[in-house]
Structures are given as C-alpha cells and as structure tokens.
N, C-alpha and C. Protein backbone atom coordinates (compact mmCIF):
# COMPACT_ATOMS: atom_id res chain seq x y z
N MET A 1 116.06 128.96 67.46
CA MET A 1 115.14 128.99 67.18
C MET A 1 114.60 130.19 69.03
N ARG A 2 113.85 130.50 68.56
CA ARG A 2 112.74 131.36 69.95
C ARG A 2 111.59 131.53 70.00
N ASP A 3 110.99 130.89 71.31
CA ASP A 3 109.36 131.18 71.68
C ASP A 3 108.90 132.17 71.46
N ILE A 4 108.48 132.77 70.28
CA ILE A 4 108.01 133.94 69.96
C ILE A 4 106.28 134.45 71.11
N ARG A 5 105.08 133.36 70.39
CA ARG A 5 103.99 134.18 70.98
C ARG A 5 103.28 132.77 70.52
N SER A 6 102.16 132.61 71.65
CA SER A 6 100.83 131.94 71.40
C SER A 6 100.73 131.74 70.18
N THR A 7 100.05 130.29 69.57
CA THR A 7 99.56 130.41 68.59
C THR A 7 98.07 130.63 68.38
N GLY A 8 97.23 130.30 69.83
CA GLY A 8 95.90 130.45 69.97
C GLY A 8 95.48 128.74 70.23
N THR A 9 96.21 127.88 70.52
CA THR A 9 96.05 126.70 70.55
C THR A 9 96.82 126.37 71.65
N GLY A 10 97.49 127.42 72.62
CA GLY A 10 97.88 126.85 73.79
C GLY A 10 99.62 126.70 73.33
N HIS A 11 100.19 126.50 72.09
CA HIS A 11 101.40 125.98 71.89
C HIS A 11 102.22 127.59 71.66
N ARG A 12 103.59 127.50 71.38
CA ARG A 12 104.12 128.27 71.39
C ARG A 12 104.51 128.45 69.83
N ALA A 13 104.23 129.47 69.22
CA ALA A 13 105.33 129.41 67.28
C ALA A 13 106.91 129.42 67.86
N ARG A 14 107.59 128.75 67.13
CA ARG A 14 109.37 128.52 67.30
C ARG A 14 109.73 129.19 65.86
N VAL A 15 110.29 130.49 65.98
CA VAL A 15 110.58 131.10 65.07
C VAL A 15 112.20 131.55 65.32
N ALA A 16 112.64 131.13 63.94
CA ALA A 16 114.46 131.80 63.76
C ALA A 16 114.15 133.40 63.44
N LEU A 17 114.97 133.87 64.03
CA LEU A 17 115.16 135.14 63.51
C LEU A 17 116.51 135.50 62.68
N SER A 18 116.56 134.76 61.34
CA SER A 18 116.78 134.67 60.34
C SER A 18 116.15 134.57 58.95
N GLY A 19 116.83 135.23 57.93
CA GLY A 19 116.10 135.11 56.98
C GLY A 19 114.81 136.26 56.83
N ILE A 20 113.74 135.60 56.20
CA ILE A 20 112.45 136.82 55.83
C ILE A 20 111.64 136.04 56.70
N ILE A 21 110.77 137.05 57.79
CA ILE A 21 109.81 136.59 58.44
C ILE A 21 108.67 137.72 58.86
N GLY A 22 107.70 137.25 59.02
CA GLY A 22 106.86 138.67 59.33
C GLY A 22 107.13 139.55 61.03
N ALA A 23 106.64 140.58 60.79
CA ALA A 23 107.07 141.80 61.60
C ALA A 23 106.63 141.26 63.20
N ASP A 24 105.45 140.49 62.93
CA ASP A 24 104.62 140.31 63.99
C ASP A 24 105.55 139.16 64.75
N ASP A 25 106.52 138.24 64.18
CA ASP A 25 107.30 137.44 64.76
C ASP A 25 108.37 137.75 65.92
N LEU A 26 108.66 139.06 65.41
CA LEU A 26 109.74 139.93 66.21
C LEU A 26 109.28 140.50 67.42
N LEU A 27 107.92 140.45 67.44
CA LEU A 27 107.44 141.55 68.69
C LEU A 27 107.33 140.15 69.81
N GLY A 28 108.31 140.82 71.22
CA GLY A 28 107.97 140.19 72.17
C GLY A 28 109.68 139.62 72.19
N VAL A 29 110.51 139.80 71.31
CA VAL A 29 111.93 139.35 71.26
C VAL A 29 112.67 140.02 72.32
N GLU A 30 113.41 139.58 73.03
CA GLU A 30 114.34 140.50 74.17
C GLU A 30 115.23 141.37 73.40
N VAL A 31 115.16 142.51 73.76
CA VAL A 31 116.35 143.72 73.59
C VAL A 31 117.57 143.46 74.55
N VAL A 32 118.91 143.11 74.36
CA VAL A 32 119.59 143.79 75.56
C VAL A 32 120.55 144.74 74.99
N ASP A 33 121.53 145.06 76.33
CA ASP A 33 122.60 146.17 76.01
C ASP A 33 123.80 145.49 75.76
N ARG A 34 125.01 146.43 75.66
CA ARG A 34 126.19 146.36 74.79
C ARG A 34 126.87 144.92 75.39
N ASP A 35 125.92 144.93 77.12
CA ASP A 35 126.67 143.69 77.75
C ASP A 35 126.00 142.61 78.44
N GLY A 36 124.59 142.36 77.22
CA GLY A 36 123.94 141.46 77.42
C GLY A 36 122.93 141.43 78.38
N ASN A 37 122.82 142.59 79.23
CA ASN A 37 121.82 142.76 80.02
C ASN A 37 120.61 142.71 79.17
N VAL A 38 119.53 141.95 79.76
CA VAL A 38 117.85 142.27 79.22
C VAL A 38 117.55 143.90 79.47
N VAL A 39 117.09 144.58 78.82
CA VAL A 39 116.41 145.88 78.77
C VAL A 39 115.19 145.96 78.70
N GLY A 40 114.42 144.92 78.03
CA GLY A 40 113.25 144.79 77.75
C GLY A 40 113.05 144.31 76.22
N GLN A 41 111.67 144.13 75.72
CA GLN A 41 111.50 143.71 74.57
C GLN A 41 110.67 144.01 73.66
N LEU A 42 110.84 143.72 72.34
CA LEU A 42 110.71 144.75 71.10
C LEU A 42 108.95 144.76 71.44
N HIS A 43 108.34 145.59 71.13
CA HIS A 43 106.96 145.85 71.41
C HIS A 43 106.72 146.36 69.97
N ASP A 44 107.16 147.27 69.34
CA ASP A 44 106.14 147.38 68.28
C ASP A 44 107.43 147.77 67.01
N ILE A 45 107.21 148.07 65.55
CA ILE A 45 108.26 148.46 64.81
C ILE A 45 107.40 149.65 64.21
N MET A 46 107.91 150.66 63.80
CA MET A 46 107.35 151.35 63.13
C MET A 46 108.24 151.74 61.63
N LEU A 47 107.19 152.04 60.91
CA LEU A 47 107.64 152.11 59.20
C LEU A 47 107.55 153.32 58.87
N ASP A 48 108.80 153.66 57.72
CA ASP A 48 108.64 155.45 57.08
C ASP A 48 107.71 154.95 55.79
N LEU A 49 106.70 155.18 55.73
CA LEU A 49 106.06 154.33 54.54
C LEU A 49 106.42 155.65 53.43
N ARG A 50 106.61 156.52 53.59
CA ARG A 50 107.30 157.53 52.52
C ARG A 50 108.45 156.96 51.95
N ARG A 51 109.11 156.77 52.88
CA ARG A 51 110.51 155.95 52.06
C ARG A 51 110.65 154.62 51.82
N ASN A 52 109.96 153.68 52.15
CA ASN A 52 109.50 152.54 52.71
C ASN A 52 110.65 151.51 53.39
N ARG A 53 111.19 152.16 54.69
CA ARG A 53 111.87 151.59 55.19
C ARG A 53 111.26 151.53 56.54
N ILE A 54 112.12 150.61 57.25
CA ILE A 54 111.76 150.14 58.72
C ILE A 54 112.53 151.42 59.22
N ALA A 55 111.83 152.22 60.38
CA ALA A 55 112.51 153.57 60.61
C ALA A 55 113.12 153.42 62.27
N TYR A 56 112.12 152.32 63.19
CA TYR A 56 112.31 152.97 64.66
C TYR A 56 111.95 151.30 65.11
N GLY A 57 112.29 150.84 66.10
CA GLY A 57 112.06 149.77 66.91
C GLY A 57 111.26 150.33 68.18
N VAL A 58 110.38 149.88 68.87
CA VAL A 58 109.80 150.51 70.08
C VAL A 58 110.04 149.62 70.93
N VAL A 59 111.03 149.85 71.78
CA VAL A 59 111.45 148.75 72.97
C VAL A 59 110.47 148.97 74.28
N GLU A 60 109.64 147.93 74.88
CA GLU A 60 109.03 148.18 76.13
C GLU A 60 110.38 147.86 77.12
N LEU A 61 110.55 149.11 78.20
CA LEU A 61 111.71 148.42 79.22
C LEU A 61 110.95 147.81 79.87
N ARG A 62 111.84 146.76 80.87
CA ARG A 62 111.54 145.74 82.12
C ARG A 62 111.18 147.19 83.16
N GLN A 63 111.90 148.37 83.26
CA GLN A 63 111.58 148.84 83.97
C GLN A 63 111.42 150.33 83.39
N ALA A 64 110.51 151.14 84.28
CA ALA A 64 109.62 152.20 84.09
C ALA A 64 111.01 153.42 84.48
N ARG A 65 110.81 154.22 83.42
CA ARG A 65 111.69 155.36 83.67
C ARG A 65 111.09 156.26 85.05
N ASP A 66 112.62 156.86 85.06
CA ASP A 66 112.09 158.22 85.98
C ASP A 66 110.37 158.70 86.03
N ASP A 67 110.30 159.18 84.82
CA ASP A 67 108.93 159.79 84.30
C ASP A 67 107.70 158.72 84.06
N GLY A 68 107.96 157.42 83.95
CA GLY A 68 106.88 156.50 84.42
C GLY A 68 106.83 155.91 82.91
N GLU A 69 107.78 156.50 81.77
CA GLU A 69 107.56 156.00 80.62
C GLU A 69 108.37 154.60 80.27
N ARG A 70 107.57 153.48 79.84
CA ARG A 70 108.03 152.22 79.33
C ARG A 70 108.50 152.05 77.68
N LEU A 71 107.87 152.84 77.05
CA LEU A 71 108.29 152.76 75.79
C LEU A 71 109.42 153.65 75.17
N VAL A 72 110.58 153.37 74.62
CA VAL A 72 111.31 154.05 73.82
C VAL A 72 111.66 153.78 72.41
N ALA A 73 111.56 154.18 71.92
CA ALA A 73 111.63 153.90 69.94
C ALA A 73 113.28 154.62 69.99
N ILE A 74 113.96 153.09 69.17
CA ILE A 74 115.10 153.23 68.97
C ILE A 74 115.20 153.38 67.49
N PRO A 75 116.19 153.79 67.05
CA PRO A 75 116.59 153.66 65.46
C PRO A 75 116.83 152.56 65.36
N TRP A 76 115.94 152.08 64.07
CA TRP A 76 116.47 150.42 63.51
C TRP A 76 117.57 149.77 62.93
N ASN A 77 118.54 151.06 62.68
CA ASN A 77 119.96 150.74 62.51
C ASN A 77 120.59 150.76 63.67
N ALA A 78 120.34 150.91 65.02
CA ALA A 78 121.18 150.64 66.49
C ALA A 78 120.68 149.46 66.79
N LEU A 79 119.64 148.95 66.25
CA LEU A 79 119.21 147.66 66.61
C LEU A 79 120.23 146.21 65.97
N PHE A 80 120.77 145.47 66.71
CA PHE A 80 121.67 144.56 65.97
C PHE A 80 120.89 143.10 66.53
N GLN A 81 121.01 142.37 65.51
CA GLN A 81 120.33 140.83 65.62
C GLN A 81 121.78 140.03 66.54
N ASP A 82 121.41 140.24 67.93
CA ASP A 82 122.95 139.21 68.69
C ASP A 82 122.97 138.21 68.45
N ALA A 83 124.45 137.74 68.62
CA ALA A 83 124.88 136.25 68.08
C ALA A 83 124.06 135.19 68.66
N ASP A 84 123.74 134.96 69.14
CA ASP A 84 122.45 133.88 69.52
C ASP A 84 121.53 133.93 68.65
N ALA A 85 121.34 135.15 68.08
CA ALA A 85 120.11 135.03 66.73
C ALA A 85 119.15 134.66 67.62
N ASP A 86 118.47 135.18 68.79
CA ASP A 86 117.23 135.05 69.24
C ASP A 86 116.58 136.22 70.14
N ARG A 87 117.57 137.36 69.81
CA ARG A 87 117.46 138.19 70.40
C ARG A 87 118.28 139.70 69.61
N PHE A 88 117.65 140.97 70.04
CA PHE A 88 118.32 142.23 69.56
C PHE A 88 119.29 142.72 70.42
N SER A 89 120.34 143.30 70.39
CA SER A 89 121.32 143.94 71.10
C SER A 89 121.56 145.37 70.35
N ILE A 90 121.58 146.19 71.31
CA ILE A 90 122.20 147.72 71.23
C ILE A 90 123.70 148.03 71.66
N ASN A 91 124.16 148.64 71.33
CA ASN A 91 125.34 149.14 71.58
C ASN A 91 125.49 149.84 72.45
N ALA A 92 125.11 150.19 73.31
CA ALA A 92 124.82 150.94 74.35
C ALA A 92 124.62 150.47 75.59
N PRO A 93 124.95 151.25 77.01
CA PRO A 93 124.77 150.69 78.27
C PRO A 93 123.34 150.94 78.47
N ARG A 94 123.24 149.77 79.73
CA ARG A 94 121.59 150.04 79.93
C ARG A 94 121.06 151.49 80.37
N ASP A 95 121.54 152.10 80.96
CA ASP A 95 121.28 153.47 81.58
C ASP A 95 120.97 154.19 80.16
N ARG A 96 121.86 154.60 79.23
CA ARG A 96 121.82 155.16 78.11
C ARG A 96 120.35 154.39 77.44
N ILE A 97 120.24 153.32 77.21
CA ILE A 97 119.16 153.22 76.61
C ILE A 97 117.86 153.31 77.33
N GLU A 98 117.96 153.42 78.32
CA GLU A 98 116.54 153.39 79.33
C GLU A 98 116.24 154.75 79.50
N GLN A 99 117.32 155.79 78.82
CA GLN A 99 116.50 157.07 78.89
C GLN A 99 116.57 157.73 77.53
N ALA A 100 116.87 156.92 76.61
CA ALA A 100 116.49 157.10 75.28
C ALA A 100 115.44 158.40 75.44
N PRO A 101 116.03 159.36 74.28
CA PRO A 101 115.30 160.81 74.06
C PRO A 101 114.00 160.58 72.97
N LEU A 102 113.49 159.41 72.44
CA LEU A 102 112.58 159.47 71.51
C LEU A 102 111.57 158.45 72.22
N ARG A 103 110.54 158.81 72.58
CA ARG A 103 109.23 158.35 72.87
C ARG A 103 107.91 158.51 71.23
N PRO A 104 107.67 157.06 71.36
CA PRO A 104 106.31 157.05 70.24
C PRO A 104 105.23 157.87 70.35
N ALA A 105 105.12 158.45 70.93
CA ALA A 105 103.85 160.03 71.22
C ALA A 105 105.07 161.00 70.73
N GLU A 106 106.00 161.24 71.10
CA GLU A 106 106.55 162.84 70.29
C GLU A 106 106.85 162.33 69.09
N MET A 107 106.93 160.94 68.55
CA MET A 107 107.20 160.94 66.77
C MET A 107 105.62 161.10 66.36
N ALA A 108 104.66 160.72 67.24
CA ALA A 108 103.68 161.12 66.13
C ALA A 108 103.05 162.63 65.93
N ALA A 109 103.45 163.57 67.18
CA ALA A 109 103.39 165.01 67.07
C ALA A 109 104.49 165.33 65.96
N ASN A 110 106.04 165.02 66.03
CA ASN A 110 106.96 165.94 65.30
C ASN A 110 107.03 164.83 63.90
N GLY A 111 106.29 163.70 64.05
CA GLY A 111 107.06 162.99 62.72
C GLY A 111 108.63 162.00 62.69
N LEU A 112 108.52 161.39 61.68
CA LEU A 112 109.70 160.40 62.10
C LEU A 112 110.97 161.24 61.95
N ASP A 113 110.84 161.95 60.86
CA ASP A 113 112.53 162.57 60.80
C ASP A 113 112.24 163.61 61.40
N GLY A 114 111.81 164.66 62.45
CA GLY A 114 112.19 166.13 63.39
C GLY A 114 113.10 166.10 63.74
N GLU A 115 113.11 167.18 64.08
CA GLU A 115 114.68 167.49 65.37
C GLU A 115 114.64 166.24 65.87
N VAL A 116 113.61 165.87 67.25
CA VAL A 116 113.75 164.95 67.96
C VAL A 116 114.59 163.30 67.33
N ALA A 117 113.84 163.41 66.31
CA ALA A 117 114.32 162.14 65.83
C ALA A 117 115.56 162.08 65.03
N VAL A 118 115.98 163.32 64.85
CA VAL A 118 117.68 163.37 64.66
C VAL A 118 118.56 163.62 65.74
N PHE A 119 117.94 163.95 66.72
CA PHE A 119 118.75 163.63 68.03
C PHE A 119 119.00 162.28 68.27
N ALA A 120 117.84 161.64 68.23
CA ALA A 120 117.90 160.02 68.88
C ALA A 120 118.89 159.17 67.70
N HIS A 121 118.88 159.49 66.65
CA HIS A 121 120.04 159.45 65.93
C HIS A 121 121.51 159.54 66.15
N HIS A 122 121.22 160.67 66.86
CA HIS A 122 122.80 161.08 67.35
C HIS A 122 123.33 160.58 68.54
N TYR A 123 121.83 160.17 69.32
CA TYR A 123 122.17 159.48 70.67
C TYR A 123 122.94 158.14 70.58
N PHE A 124 122.19 157.61 69.99
CA PHE A 124 122.70 156.05 69.41
C PHE A 124 124.51 156.06 68.43
N GLY A 125 124.61 157.30 68.00
CA GLY A 125 125.82 156.98 67.49
C GLY A 125 125.24 156.40 65.67
N THR A 126 124.11 156.62 65.01
CA THR A 126 123.85 156.22 63.97
C THR A 126 123.00 157.38 62.87
N ARG A 127 123.37 157.09 61.78
CA ARG A 127 123.35 158.22 60.65
C ARG A 127 121.41 158.15 60.47
N PRO A 128 120.66 159.02 60.75
CA PRO A 128 119.57 158.85 60.07
C PRO A 128 119.19 158.31 58.88
N TYR A 129 118.19 157.64 58.74
CA TYR A 129 118.47 156.71 57.52
C TYR A 129 117.68 157.36 56.26
N TRP A 130 117.09 158.60 56.55
CA TRP A 130 116.53 159.48 55.67
C TRP A 130 117.66 160.81 54.73
N GLU A 131 118.88 160.45 55.41
CA GLU A 131 120.09 161.35 55.08
C GLU A 131 120.32 160.81 53.58
N HIS A 132 121.10 161.20 52.50
CA HIS A 132 121.48 161.04 51.06
C HIS A 132 122.90 160.37 51.48
N GLY A 133 122.22 159.01 50.77
CA GLY A 133 123.81 158.37 51.00
C GLY A 133 123.89 157.15 51.74
N VAL A 134 122.65 157.19 52.34
CA VAL A 134 122.84 155.99 53.42
C VAL A 134 122.44 154.74 52.93
N GLN A 135 123.22 153.83 53.44
CA GLN A 135 122.69 152.30 52.77
C GLN A 135 121.29 151.69 53.53
N LEU A 136 120.53 151.18 52.64
CA LEU A 136 119.53 150.58 53.25
C LEU A 136 119.61 149.50 53.72
N CYS A 137 119.39 149.18 54.87
CA CYS A 137 119.67 147.41 55.66
C CYS A 137 118.90 146.87 55.00
C-alpha cells in the first residue's frame, strides 16, 4: 500500500495499486526509470474518449528540462506497475524519459493520435493504441 493524498482530515489515504481503483488514487504516485531512479510523479491521466482508452500518463518531472518544461506525456502502455506495486516504471533510462517528445500542450493542439503522438509511441517502443489489432490493456 502507498500513501497517496490527504483525505482533508489531515490523514493520508492508503491505496493499493492493484485491482480496480479510481484515477485520483493514482495521481502523485512515483514514476521511476528502468534502473529504479525516481524521475517524477504521475500528475494526470489523459483519456481518449473516442476510443474508450487510457491514452497517456502525464508525468511531472522532479527536475525541469532544459526548456523549463516539467510535464511530459508518456504513452500509457509504456507505464508499468513496479514490482513493489506502489509506483510506476518506464523501461527507459532517466535522460530519455526527461526528454520525451510529447507535452500536454502539444497534445491539445495536435490531438491524441497526431504525428507527434505517433512519434512519442515509437520513442518509447510502444505501438500506438489506436492502431488496428492492438490489445486492450
């Protein structure tokens, strides 16, 4: 179990990252690179309502990038529940995650499955979820 957020009473809610849980319970969960180094925390979850899919996890980086940006969108199928079951991991080194090509502002302008989004999936070695034949996660 992991302390996720304040309940408003000064106590922290404890939520296991397994089974069916609310999206709010995932916000604030640590995100680590393939070596277990913390790169940030889950800031938001982006949904593709046209396809009824979770599309991206928005990670707030611990350190701002060279361009000052702290938020990067990671394809949801590139995020995995860590073996400790209380954080997410990405099978990539820290510097690659920090330089991810997709930012939430670009997604708003270009759509979830635009050219930038396709590049983001290839960047993390995942198949775009909207392509035919991709299994539902």
